């Protein structure tokens, strides 16, 4: 199924997600897994690639995952995919391992609670025996053509820039991720909610192929009977008019590897092309409470008549993001 715009105002979306609807733009059959039903247990799966320091966009997803854990109160698996990235990206292994460990520490430091009894979180990497075995069990249900038909839209661009591994490596990475998504199915969940960026929607499609084909495989079936839905996070616009914040385009955004003066130099700008993106960063990457976000929205709306209020909001966001960058640095020591 092609991802659909999320109807945020409809009750079946607004009631279970509440203020979190601001974080998502699209979905894929999320009506199959929401609202919550105690008779049909739900599990959430998401993950991050540890190729470098998180951008403001990646931080927004991390904060969204933490908010969702607290709001829904259901079991969650968060994967940092160093082995997948090793196969699909041209990044040194020692760098992937270092960033992986830093991400683990950082997510715990900003509030991901793996010890919460009502909503346990499994925070793991791809060096997980269970997931590797699951890869071997599901591989028989997918073909090479499936991976050619379902892939990231920008894969050719990444290949042209020398960012990708081999075709086999990219396929292995996708197989690991499908195994991540289907982990709760193997564990007995009735419903699975996958969280990702819209560019990763093809993982949902590959996962559904596995579910369908194993169900039709007779004595070779895995016996998994699960509903799968997906929510896709809002893309954080880039500064200066770029479509998204990306470390591949340095001028487009901010990331947690920056020094404080670099962050201030990107946020405290006056070019009109960057102002809407800065409001989006505040909405998604600040971690502020909703009343504070509403104040920033009002300041943005009236920035021409009352510029001081908007400049104050940006200054506060500069301090907030710099604090996240400090925590990131400390988690890498």
Protein backbone atom coordinates (compact mmCIF):
# COMPACT_ATOMS: atom_id res chain seq x y z
CA UNK A 1 0.00 0.00 0.00
CA UNK A 2 1.24 3.51 -0.82
CA UNK A 3 1.64 5.65 2.32
CA UNK A 4 -1.32 7.95 2.88
CA UNK A 5 -1.48 11.42 4.49
CA UNK A 6 -2.30 11.07 8.17
CA UNK A 7 -5.81 12.43 8.90
CA UNK A 8 -4.71 14.05 12.14
CA UNK A 9 -8.10 15.54 13.00
CA UNK A 10 -10.07 12.31 12.72
CA UNK A 11 -10.95 10.75 16.07
CA UNK A 12 -9.35 7.37 15.39
CA UNK A 13 -6.01 9.20 14.97
CA UNK A 14 -6.36 12.14 17.35
CA UNK A 15 -7.59 10.10 20.32
CA UNK A 16 -4.75 7.53 20.57
CA UNK A 17 -1.97 9.91 19.48
CA UNK A 18 -3.09 13.21 21.03
CA UNK A 19 -0.43 15.94 20.66
CA UNK A 20 1.91 13.47 18.97
CA UNK A 21 0.00 13.84 15.70
CA UNK A 22 2.20 16.90 15.01
CA UNK A 23 5.18 14.57 14.58
CA UNK A 24 3.74 12.47 11.73
CA UNK A 25 2.62 13.27 8.20
CA UNK A 26 1.82 9.87 6.65
CA UNK A 27 0.77 6.38 7.61
CA UNK A 28 0.35 2.91 6.15
CA UNK A 29 -2.74 1.12 7.52
CA UNK A 30 -2.25 2.50 10.99
CA UNK A 31 -6.00 1.99 11.47
CA UNK A 32 -5.20 -1.74 11.68
CA UNK A 33 -3.16 -1.24 14.87
CA UNK A 34 -4.76 1.78 16.56
CA UNK A 35 -6.53 2.48 18.85
CA UNK A 36 -5.09 0.33 21.61
CA UNK A 37 -6.91 -2.90 22.44
CA UNK A 38 -5.87 -4.97 25.48
CA UNK A 39 -7.09 -8.13 23.73
CA UNK A 40 -4.76 -7.52 20.77
CA UNK A 41 -1.33 -6.56 22.17
CA UNK A 42 0.58 -3.88 20.27
CA UNK A 43 4.37 -3.59 19.99
CA UNK A 44 6.31 -0.68 18.48
CA UNK A 45 9.52 -1.00 16.45
CA UNK A 46 11.88 1.74 15.29
CA UNK A 47 15.58 2.31 14.76
CA UNK A 48 18.50 4.53 13.84
CA UNK A 49 21.57 4.24 11.67
CA UNK A 50 24.79 5.10 13.54
CA UNK A 51 26.74 6.71 10.69
CA UNK A 52 27.37 10.07 12.39
CA UNK A 53 26.15 12.59 14.97
CA UNK A 54 22.37 13.04 14.85
CA UNK A 55 20.99 16.00 12.93
CA UNK A 56 18.14 18.04 14.33
CA UNK A 57 15.90 15.80 12.20
CA UNK A 58 17.23 12.61 13.80
CA UNK A 59 16.93 14.21 17.23
CA UNK A 60 13.30 15.02 16.46
CA UNK A 61 12.64 11.33 15.76
CA UNK A 62 14.41 10.30 18.99
CA UNK A 63 12.28 12.71 20.99
CA UNK A 64 9.18 11.49 19.19
CA UNK A 65 9.99 7.89 20.06
CA UNK A 66 10.40 8.81 23.72
CA UNK A 67 7.11 10.74 23.74
CA UNK A 68 5.33 7.83 22.08
CA UNK A 69 6.69 5.38 24.64
CA UNK A 70 5.29 7.50 27.45
CA UNK A 71 1.99 8.24 25.70
CA UNK A 72 1.04 4.78 24.42
CA UNK A 73 2.64 2.74 27.19
CA UNK A 74 3.29 -0.36 25.06
CA UNK A 75 6.40 -2.51 24.55
CA UNK A 76 8.94 -0.99 22.16
CA UNK A 77 12.07 -2.15 20.36
CA UNK A 78 14.65 0.49 19.38
CA UNK A 79 17.44 -0.75 17.13
CA UNK A 80 20.74 0.97 16.37
CA UNK A 81 21.74 -0.78 13.18
CA UNK A 82 25.53 -0.86 13.05
CA UNK A 83 25.73 -4.14 11.12
CA UNK A 84 23.13 -2.98 8.63
CA UNK A 85 24.99 0.30 8.12
CA UNK A 86 28.27 -1.60 7.70
CA UNK A 87 26.73 -3.45 4.77
CA UNK A 88 24.85 -0.57 3.15
CA UNK A 89 27.10 2.47 3.77
CA UNK A 90 30.80 3.11 3.25
CA UNK A 91 31.65 3.92 6.87
CA UNK A 92 34.45 2.43 8.99
CA UNK A 93 33.40 -0.28 11.46
CA UNK A 94 35.07 1.39 14.44
CA UNK A 95 33.15 4.60 13.73
CA UNK A 96 29.83 2.73 13.51
CA UNK A 97 30.48 0.96 16.82
CA UNK A 98 31.51 4.19 18.55
CA UNK A 99 28.45 6.11 17.33
CA UNK A 100 26.22 3.13 18.19
CA UNK A 101 27.37 3.14 21.81
CA UNK A 102 27.09 6.93 21.95
CA UNK A 103 23.50 6.70 20.65
CA UNK A 104 22.61 4.11 23.28
CA UNK A 105 23.90 6.37 26.07
CA UNK A 106 22.37 9.50 24.58
CA UNK A 107 18.85 8.08 24.20
CA UNK A 108 18.91 6.89 27.79
CA UNK A 109 20.22 10.28 28.93
CA UNK A 110 17.38 12.21 27.25
CA UNK A 111 14.66 9.99 28.65
CA UNK A 112 14.26 6.62 26.91
CA UNK A 113 13.37 4.40 29.85
CA UNK A 114 14.25 0.76 29.24
CA UNK A 115 13.25 -0.15 32.81
CA UNK A 116 9.67 1.13 32.65
CA UNK A 117 7.51 -1.79 33.70
CA UNK A 118 4.32 -0.85 31.87
CA UNK A 119 6.14 -0.09 28.61
CA UNK A 120 9.42 -2.04 28.47
CA UNK A 121 11.94 -0.95 25.86
CA UNK A 122 14.43 -3.28 24.26
CA UNK A 123 17.34 -1.10 23.15
CA UNK A 124 19.62 -3.25 21.02
CA UNK A 125 21.86 -3.36 17.97
CA UNK A 126 22.05 -5.65 14.95
CA UNK A 127 24.58 -7.79 16.81
CA UNK A 128 21.63 -9.70 18.20
CA UNK A 129 21.52 -13.47 17.80
CA UNK A 130 17.73 -13.58 17.73
CA UNK A 131 17.52 -11.07 14.90
CA UNK A 132 20.23 -12.79 12.87
CA UNK A 133 18.40 -16.12 13.18
CA UNK A 134 15.15 -14.41 12.21
CA UNK A 135 16.89 -13.07 9.08
CA UNK A 136 17.69 -16.62 8.11
CA UNK A 137 14.11 -17.73 8.68
CA UNK A 138 12.47 -14.97 6.62
CA UNK A 139 14.95 -14.85 3.71
CA UNK A 140 13.23 -17.76 1.94
CA UNK A 141 10.08 -15.66 1.56
CA UNK A 142 11.74 -12.83 -0.39
CA UNK A 143 13.34 -12.66 -3.84
CA UNK A 144 15.98 -10.47 -5.43
CA UNK A 145 13.22 -8.84 -7.46
CA UNK A 146 11.41 -7.87 -4.26
CA UNK A 147 14.43 -5.82 -3.17
CA UNK A 148 14.75 -4.28 -6.62
CA UNK A 149 11.07 -3.31 -6.54
CA UNK A 150 11.13 -1.96 -2.97
CA UNK A 151 14.01 0.33 -2.14
CA UNK A 152 14.74 3.89 -1.03
CA UNK A 153 13.95 6.46 -3.72
CA UNK A 154 17.36 8.11 -3.35
CA UNK A 155 19.39 4.90 -3.66
CA UNK A 156 20.72 5.86 -7.11
CA UNK A 157 21.79 9.29 -5.84
CA UNK A 158 23.59 7.71 -2.87
CA UNK A 159 25.28 5.27 -5.24
CA UNK A 160 26.42 8.10 -7.51
CA UNK A 161 28.04 9.81 -4.51
CA UNK A 162 29.85 6.66 -3.43
CA UNK A 163 27.88 6.34 -0.20
CA UNK A 164 26.49 2.82 -0.67
CA UNK A 165 27.95 -0.62 -0.18
CA UNK A 166 27.44 -3.44 -2.67
CA UNK A 167 24.05 -4.59 -3.94
CA UNK A 168 24.30 -7.65 -1.71
CA UNK A 169 25.23 -5.43 1.25
CA UNK A 170 22.25 -3.14 0.71
CA UNK A 171 20.00 -6.21 0.44
CA UNK A 172 21.41 -7.68 3.66
CA UNK A 173 20.77 -4.40 5.45
CA UNK A 174 17.15 -4.42 4.27
CA UNK A 175 16.76 -8.03 5.40
CA UNK A 176 18.06 -7.15 8.87
CA UNK A 177 15.53 -4.31 9.09
CA UNK A 178 12.60 -6.49 8.00
CA UNK A 179 13.66 -8.97 10.68
CA UNK A 180 13.65 -6.10 13.21
CA UNK A 181 10.11 -5.12 12.25
CA UNK A 182 8.83 -8.69 12.47
CA UNK A 183 10.51 -9.47 15.79
CA UNK A 184 7.32 -8.82 17.80
CA UNK A 185 5.38 -11.12 15.43
CA UNK A 186 7.73 -13.96 16.29
CA UNK A 187 7.32 -13.09 19.99
CA UNK A 188 3.52 -13.36 19.79
CA UNK A 189 2.32 -9.76 19.36
CA UNK A 190 -1.03 -9.35 17.61
CA UNK A 191 -0.20 -5.95 16.13
CA UNK A 192 3.03 -4.14 15.23
CA UNK A 193 3.49 -0.41 14.68
CA UNK A 194 6.59 0.55 12.72
CA UNK A 195 7.96 4.10 13.10
CA UNK A 196 10.30 5.57 10.49
CA UNK A 197 10.84 8.31 7.97
CA UNK A 198 8.67 8.27 4.86
CA UNK A 199 11.71 7.36 2.74
CA UNK A 200 11.85 4.02 4.59
CA UNK A 201 8.28 3.00 3.82
CA UNK A 202 9.57 0.22 1.57
CA UNK A 203 10.53 -1.74 4.71
CA UNK A 204 6.83 -1.93 5.59
CA UNK A 205 6.07 -3.30 2.12
CA UNK A 206 8.81 -5.95 2.33
CA UNK A 207 7.63 -6.96 5.81
CA UNK A 208 4.08 -7.44 4.52
CA UNK A 209 5.37 -9.66 1.70
CA UNK A 210 7.01 -11.91 4.30
CA UNK A 211 3.84 -12.04 6.41
CA UNK A 212 1.68 -12.85 3.41
CA UNK A 213 3.96 -15.49 1.90
CA UNK A 214 4.74 -17.31 5.14
CA UNK A 215 1.01 -17.43 5.84
CA UNK A 216 0.46 -19.14 2.49
CA UNK A 217 3.44 -21.51 2.83
CA UNK A 218 1.59 -24.48 4.29
CA UNK A 219 3.86 -26.64 6.40
CA UNK A 220 6.70 -24.15 5.86
CA UNK A 221 4.71 -21.32 7.48
CA UNK A 222 6.24 -19.57 10.47
CA UNK A 223 2.80 -19.33 12.05
CA UNK A 224 2.93 -15.55 12.37
CA UNK A 225 -0.49 -13.88 12.35
CA UNK A 226 -0.05 -10.17 12.95
CA UNK A 227 -1.43 -6.84 11.74
CA UNK A 228 1.25 -4.38 10.63
CA UNK A 229 0.84 -0.61 10.49
CA UNK A 230 3.29 2.26 10.11
CA UNK A 231 3.59 5.91 11.08
CA UNK A 232 6.03 8.11 9.16
CA UNK A 233 7.69 11.05 10.86
CA UNK A 234 7.46 14.58 9.55
CA UNK A 235 10.54 15.65 7.59
CA UNK A 236 12.39 18.55 9.16
CA UNK A 237 12.86 21.22 6.52
CA UNK A 238 16.36 22.46 5.79
CA UNK A 239 17.72 25.92 6.46
CA UNK A 240 18.14 28.32 3.58
CA UNK A 241 15.33 26.74 1.57
CA UNK A 242 16.80 23.22 1.38
CA UNK A 243 14.10 20.50 1.39
CA UNK A 244 15.48 18.74 4.50
CA UNK A 245 18.24 18.98 7.07
CA UNK A 246 21.08 16.73 5.97
CA UNK A 247 24.72 16.43 7.02
CA UNK A 248 25.46 15.76 3.37
CA UNK A 249 24.51 19.43 2.75
CA UNK A 250 26.30 21.30 5.58
CA UNK A 251 24.42 24.58 5.08
CA UNK A 252 21.05 22.87 5.39
CA UNK A 253 20.93 22.28 9.13
CA UNK A 254 22.41 21.70 12.55
CA UNK A 255 23.64 18.54 14.22
CA UNK A 256 24.78 17.42 17.65
CA UNK A 257 28.44 17.30 16.63
CA UNK A 258 28.56 21.10 16.28
CA UNK A 259 30.17 23.51 18.71
CA UNK A 260 27.94 26.04 20.47
CA UNK A 261 29.04 28.96 18.29
CA UNK A 262 28.32 26.95 15.13
CA UNK A 263 24.81 26.16 16.36
CA UNK A 264 24.18 29.81 17.20
CA UNK A 265 25.49 30.86 13.80
CA UNK A 266 22.93 28.63 12.07
CA UNK A 267 19.92 29.37 14.31
CA UNK A 268 20.26 33.12 14.96
CA UNK A 269 19.95 34.04 11.30
CA UNK A 270 17.54 36.48 9.71
CA UNK A 271 17.17 35.17 6.15
CA UNK A 272 13.50 34.53 5.51
CA UNK A 273 14.18 31.19 3.80
CA UNK A 274 15.34 29.72 7.13
CA UNK A 275 12.65 31.00 9.48
CA UNK A 276 9.96 28.37 8.81
CA UNK A 277 12.54 25.60 9.14
CA UNK A 278 13.64 27.02 12.50
CA UNK A 279 10.06 26.96 13.76
CA UNK A 280 9.80 23.32 12.64
CA UNK A 281 13.02 22.57 14.53
CA UNK A 282 11.52 24.13 17.65
CA UNK A 283 8.29 22.15 17.21
CA UNK A 284 10.05 18.81 16.70
CA UNK A 285 13.59 18.98 18.12
CA UNK A 286 13.31 21.10 21.26
CA UNK A 287 11.55 18.73 23.63
CA UNK A 288 9.60 21.73 24.95
CA UNK A 289 6.15 21.39 26.44
CA UNK A 290 3.20 22.25 24.19
CA UNK A 291 2.49 25.66 25.81
CA UNK A 292 6.07 26.72 25.08
CA UNK A 293 5.80 25.48 21.49
CA UNK A 294 2.55 27.41 21.07
CA UNK A 295 4.31 30.56 22.30
CA UNK A 296 7.04 30.03 19.71
CA UNK A 297 4.42 29.53 16.99
CA UNK A 298 2.75 32.81 17.95
CA UNK A 299 6.11 34.60 17.96
CA UNK A 300 6.85 33.24 14.49
CA UNK A 301 3.44 34.28 13.21
CA UNK A 302 3.94 37.87 14.40
CA UNK A 303 7.70 38.08 13.79
CA UNK A 304 7.44 41.05 11.43
CA UNK A 305 5.39 43.14 13.85
CA UNK A 306 7.20 41.96 17.00
CA UNK A 307 10.63 40.60 15.96
CA UNK A 308 12.02 40.56 19.51
CA UNK A 309 9.71 37.71 20.62
CA UNK A 310 10.79 35.50 17.71
CA UNK A 311 14.47 36.29 18.29
CA UNK A 312 14.00 35.34 21.96
CA UNK A 313 12.43 32.01 20.95
CA UNK A 314 15.37 31.27 18.61
CA UNK A 315 17.85 32.22 21.33
CA UNK A 316 16.19 29.81 23.75
CA UNK A 317 16.21 27.07 21.12
CA UNK A 318 19.92 27.71 20.53
CA UNK A 319 20.52 27.07 24.23
CA UNK A 320 18.30 23.98 24.20
CA UNK A 321 20.00 22.43 21.18
CA UNK A 322 23.45 23.29 22.54
CA UNK A 323 22.52 21.45 25.73
CA UNK A 324 21.58 18.36 23.69
CA UNK A 325 24.95 18.68 21.92
CA UNK A 326 26.70 18.81 25.29
CA UNK A 327 24.92 15.64 26.40
CA UNK A 328 25.90 14.00 23.10
CA UNK A 329 29.57 14.86 23.68
CA UNK A 330 29.46 13.56 27.25
CA UNK A 331 27.91 10.28 26.07
CA UNK A 332 30.86 9.77 23.74
CA UNK A 333 33.49 9.90 26.48
